[in-house]
């Protein structure tokens, strides 16, 4: 349940679990893509420190946003109606 002032939104348990699974899957795909890009750049020896910093910052910020979303105290699992 998410409290939005006067209105309350009830999320079905299955929907939240599917959304969390989708988020985790997208993070895994993004990490694989970054790793592949890093390996390709490393092979051609054109890796710059700015690119590495950007990739690591992007990955950390998306991971942090994901954990902040899943740890939010306002979201509660409820049974399907």
N, C-alpha and C. Protein backbone atom coordinates (compact mmCIF):
# COMPACT_ATOMS: atom_id res chain seq x y z
N UNK A 1 0.84 -1.16 0.00
CA UNK A 1 0.00 0.00 0.00
C UNK A 1 0.90 1.24 0.00
N UNK A 2 0.57 2.16 -0.81
CA UNK A 2 1.34 3.41 -0.89
C UNK A 2 0.41 4.56 -0.56
N UNK A 3 0.77 5.34 0.43
CA UNK A 3 -0.08 6.44 0.87
C UNK A 3 0.30 7.70 0.11
N UNK A 4 -0.62 8.20 -0.69
CA UNK A 4 -0.39 9.41 -1.48
C UNK A 4 -1.32 10.52 -1.00
N UNK A 5 -1.17 10.92 0.23
CA UNK A 5 -2.03 11.97 0.76
C UNK A 5 -3.42 11.42 1.04
N UNK A 6 -4.41 11.87 0.28
CA UNK A 6 -5.80 11.48 0.52
C UNK A 6 -6.13 10.12 -0.08
N UNK A 7 -5.39 9.70 -1.09
CA UNK A 7 -5.72 8.43 -1.72
C UNK A 7 -4.69 7.36 -1.36
N UNK A 8 -5.14 6.13 -1.32
CA UNK A 8 -4.27 5.00 -1.00
C UNK A 8 -4.29 4.04 -2.18
N UNK A 9 -3.11 3.67 -2.64
CA UNK A 9 -2.99 2.75 -3.77
C UNK A 9 -2.54 1.40 -3.23
N UNK A 10 -3.27 0.34 -3.59
CA UNK A 10 -2.91 -1.01 -3.17
C UNK A 10 -2.28 -1.73 -4.35
N UNK A 11 -1.04 -2.19 -4.14
CA UNK A 11 -0.34 -2.93 -5.18
C UNK A 11 -0.51 -4.42 -4.95
N UNK A 12 -0.89 -5.18 -5.97
CA UNK A 12 -0.95 -6.63 -5.81
C UNK A 12 0.45 -7.20 -5.59
N UNK A 13 0.53 -8.25 -4.78
CA UNK A 13 1.82 -8.85 -4.44
C UNK A 13 2.53 -9.36 -5.68
N UNK A 14 1.80 -10.00 -6.58
CA UNK A 14 2.41 -10.55 -7.79
C UNK A 14 2.99 -9.46 -8.68
N UNK A 15 2.32 -8.32 -8.76
CA UNK A 15 2.79 -7.22 -9.60
C UNK A 15 4.10 -6.64 -9.09
N UNK A 16 4.21 -6.47 -7.78
CA UNK A 16 5.45 -5.93 -7.21
C UNK A 16 6.58 -6.91 -7.40
N UNK A 17 6.31 -8.19 -7.18
CA UNK A 17 7.37 -9.20 -7.34
C UNK A 17 7.84 -9.25 -8.79
N UNK A 18 6.92 -9.16 -9.74
CA UNK A 18 7.29 -9.16 -11.15
C UNK A 18 8.12 -7.93 -11.49
N UNK A 19 7.72 -6.77 -10.95
CA UNK A 19 8.45 -5.53 -11.21
C UNK A 19 9.86 -5.60 -10.62
N UNK A 20 9.99 -6.14 -9.41
CA UNK A 20 11.31 -6.29 -8.79
C UNK A 20 12.18 -7.23 -9.61
N UNK A 21 11.60 -8.32 -10.08
CA UNK A 21 12.34 -9.27 -10.91
C UNK A 21 12.78 -8.61 -12.21
N UNK A 22 11.92 -7.80 -12.80
CA UNK A 22 12.26 -7.08 -14.02
C UNK A 22 13.40 -6.09 -13.78
N UNK A 23 13.37 -5.39 -12.65
CA UNK A 23 14.45 -4.45 -12.32
C UNK A 23 15.78 -5.17 -12.14
N UNK A 24 15.76 -6.30 -11.43
CA UNK A 24 17.00 -7.06 -11.22
C UNK A 24 17.53 -7.56 -12.55
N UNK A 25 16.65 -8.08 -13.40
CA UNK A 25 17.06 -8.59 -14.71
C UNK A 25 17.67 -7.47 -15.56
N UNK A 26 17.07 -6.28 -15.53
CA UNK A 26 17.61 -5.17 -16.32
C UNK A 26 18.98 -4.73 -15.79
N UNK A 27 19.17 -4.78 -14.46
CA UNK A 27 20.48 -4.43 -13.89
C UNK A 27 21.53 -5.45 -14.30
N UNK A 28 21.17 -6.73 -14.35
CA UNK A 28 22.11 -7.77 -14.77
C UNK A 28 22.49 -7.56 -16.23
N UNK A 29 21.51 -7.29 -17.08
CA UNK A 29 21.80 -7.03 -18.49
C UNK A 29 22.68 -5.80 -18.67
N UNK A 30 22.42 -4.76 -17.88
CA UNK A 30 23.23 -3.54 -17.97
C UNK A 30 24.66 -3.82 -17.54
N UNK A 31 24.83 -4.61 -16.48
CA UNK A 31 26.19 -4.96 -16.02
C UNK A 31 26.93 -5.78 -17.07
N UNK A 32 26.23 -6.71 -17.72
CA UNK A 32 26.86 -7.51 -18.78
C UNK A 32 27.26 -6.61 -19.95
N UNK A 33 26.39 -5.67 -20.30
CA UNK A 33 26.72 -4.76 -21.41
C UNK A 33 27.92 -3.89 -21.06
N UNK A 34 27.98 -3.38 -19.83
CA UNK A 34 29.15 -2.59 -19.41
C UNK A 34 30.42 -3.42 -19.44
N UNK A 35 30.33 -4.67 -18.96
CA UNK A 35 31.51 -5.53 -18.95
C UNK A 35 31.99 -5.80 -20.38
N UNK A 36 31.04 -6.07 -21.29
CA UNK A 36 31.41 -6.33 -22.68
C UNK A 36 32.05 -5.09 -23.31
N UNK A 37 31.48 -3.91 -23.04
CA UNK A 37 32.04 -2.69 -23.60
C UNK A 37 33.44 -2.43 -23.03
N UNK A 38 33.61 -2.69 -21.73
CA UNK A 38 34.91 -2.51 -21.11
C UNK A 38 35.94 -3.46 -21.72
N UNK A 39 35.56 -4.71 -21.96
CA UNK A 39 36.48 -5.69 -22.55
C UNK A 39 36.86 -5.30 -23.98
N UNK A 40 35.88 -4.81 -24.74
CA UNK A 40 36.17 -4.39 -26.12
C UNK A 40 37.13 -3.20 -26.11
N UNK A 41 36.87 -2.23 -25.24
CA UNK A 41 37.76 -1.07 -25.16
C UNK A 41 39.15 -1.46 -24.65
N UNK A 42 39.18 -2.40 -23.72
CA UNK A 42 40.48 -2.84 -23.18
C UNK A 42 41.29 -3.54 -24.26
N UNK A 43 40.61 -4.29 -25.10
CA UNK A 43 41.30 -5.00 -26.18
C UNK A 43 41.98 -4.00 -27.13
N UNK A 44 41.30 -2.90 -27.40
CA UNK A 44 41.88 -1.88 -28.29
C UNK A 44 42.73 -0.88 -27.52
N UNK A 45 42.86 -1.05 -26.22
CA UNK A 45 43.69 -0.22 -25.34
C UNK A 45 43.34 1.27 -25.44
N UNK A 46 42.04 1.55 -25.46
CA UNK A 46 41.61 2.95 -25.51
C UNK A 46 40.76 3.30 -24.29
N UNK A 47 40.97 2.58 -23.20
CA UNK A 47 40.17 2.84 -22.00
C UNK A 47 40.68 4.11 -21.33
N UNK A 48 39.79 5.02 -21.10
CA UNK A 48 40.17 6.24 -20.40
C UNK A 48 39.61 6.20 -18.98
N UNK A 49 40.25 6.90 -18.08
CA UNK A 49 39.82 6.92 -16.69
C UNK A 49 38.44 7.57 -16.56
N UNK A 50 38.11 8.51 -17.44
CA UNK A 50 36.79 9.15 -17.37
C UNK A 50 35.68 8.17 -17.71
N UNK A 51 35.92 7.30 -18.68
CA UNK A 51 34.91 6.31 -19.04
C UNK A 51 34.69 5.33 -17.89
N UNK A 52 35.76 4.88 -17.27
CA UNK A 52 35.64 3.95 -16.15
C UNK A 52 34.89 4.61 -15.00
N UNK A 53 35.21 5.86 -14.70
CA UNK A 53 34.51 6.56 -13.63
C UNK A 53 33.03 6.74 -13.95
N UNK A 54 32.72 7.06 -15.20
CA UNK A 54 31.31 7.23 -15.58
C UNK A 54 30.54 5.93 -15.45
N UNK A 55 31.13 4.84 -15.91
CA UNK A 55 30.45 3.55 -15.83
C UNK A 55 30.25 3.12 -14.38
N UNK A 56 31.26 3.28 -13.55
CA UNK A 56 31.12 2.87 -12.16
C UNK A 56 30.12 3.76 -11.43
N UNK A 57 30.13 5.07 -11.70
CA UNK A 57 29.17 5.97 -11.06
C UNK A 57 27.75 5.64 -11.49
N UNK A 58 27.56 5.36 -12.78
CA UNK A 58 26.23 5.03 -13.29
C UNK A 58 25.72 3.75 -12.64
N UNK A 59 26.57 2.74 -12.53
CA UNK A 59 26.16 1.47 -11.94
C UNK A 59 25.83 1.64 -10.46
N UNK A 60 26.65 2.42 -9.74
CA UNK A 60 26.41 2.63 -8.32
C UNK A 60 25.12 3.42 -8.11
N UNK A 61 24.87 4.42 -8.93
CA UNK A 61 23.67 5.24 -8.74
C UNK A 61 22.41 4.44 -9.04
N UNK A 62 22.43 3.58 -10.07
CA UNK A 62 21.24 2.78 -10.36
C UNK A 62 21.03 1.73 -9.29
N UNK A 63 22.10 1.13 -8.77
CA UNK A 63 21.96 0.15 -7.70
C UNK A 63 21.42 0.81 -6.44
N UNK A 64 21.92 2.00 -6.14
CA UNK A 64 21.46 2.72 -4.95
C UNK A 64 19.98 3.07 -5.07
N UNK A 65 19.56 3.52 -6.24
CA UNK A 65 18.15 3.85 -6.45
C UNK A 65 17.28 2.61 -6.31
N UNK A 66 17.76 1.46 -6.80
CA UNK A 66 16.99 0.23 -6.69
C UNK A 66 16.82 -0.18 -5.24
N UNK A 67 17.91 -0.13 -4.45
CA UNK A 67 17.82 -0.54 -3.06
C UNK A 67 17.01 0.45 -2.24
N UNK A 68 17.06 1.73 -2.58
CA UNK A 68 16.21 2.71 -1.90
C UNK A 68 14.74 2.43 -2.20
N UNK A 69 14.43 2.03 -3.43
CA UNK A 69 13.04 1.76 -3.79
C UNK A 69 12.53 0.52 -3.07
N UNK A 70 13.33 -0.55 -3.03
CA UNK A 70 12.86 -1.79 -2.41
C UNK A 70 12.83 -1.67 -0.90
N UNK A 71 13.64 -0.80 -0.32
CA UNK A 71 13.65 -0.65 1.13
C UNK A 71 12.71 0.42 1.64
N UNK A 72 11.88 0.96 0.77
CA UNK A 72 10.98 2.05 1.16
C UNK A 72 9.95 1.55 2.15
N UNK A 73 9.75 2.27 3.23
CA UNK A 73 8.87 1.80 4.30
C UNK A 73 7.40 1.95 3.97
N UNK A 74 7.05 2.75 2.98
CA UNK A 74 5.63 2.97 2.65
C UNK A 74 5.04 1.84 1.82
N UNK A 75 5.88 1.03 1.18
CA UNK A 75 5.37 -0.02 0.30
C UNK A 75 5.22 -1.30 1.11
N UNK A 76 4.02 -1.86 1.11
CA UNK A 76 3.76 -3.10 1.84
C UNK A 76 3.15 -4.12 0.88
N UNK A 77 3.55 -5.36 1.05
CA UNK A 77 3.00 -6.42 0.22
C UNK A 77 1.59 -6.77 0.72
N UNK A 78 0.67 -6.96 -0.21
CA UNK A 78 -0.68 -7.39 0.14
C UNK A 78 -1.06 -8.55 -0.76
N UNK A 79 -2.04 -9.34 -0.33
CA UNK A 79 -2.48 -10.47 -1.14
C UNK A 79 -3.29 -9.98 -2.33
N UNK A 80 -3.30 -10.81 -3.37
CA UNK A 80 -4.13 -10.48 -4.53
C UNK A 80 -5.60 -10.58 -4.16
N UNK A 81 -6.39 -9.66 -4.70
CA UNK A 81 -7.83 -9.67 -4.40
C UNK A 81 -8.55 -10.55 -5.39
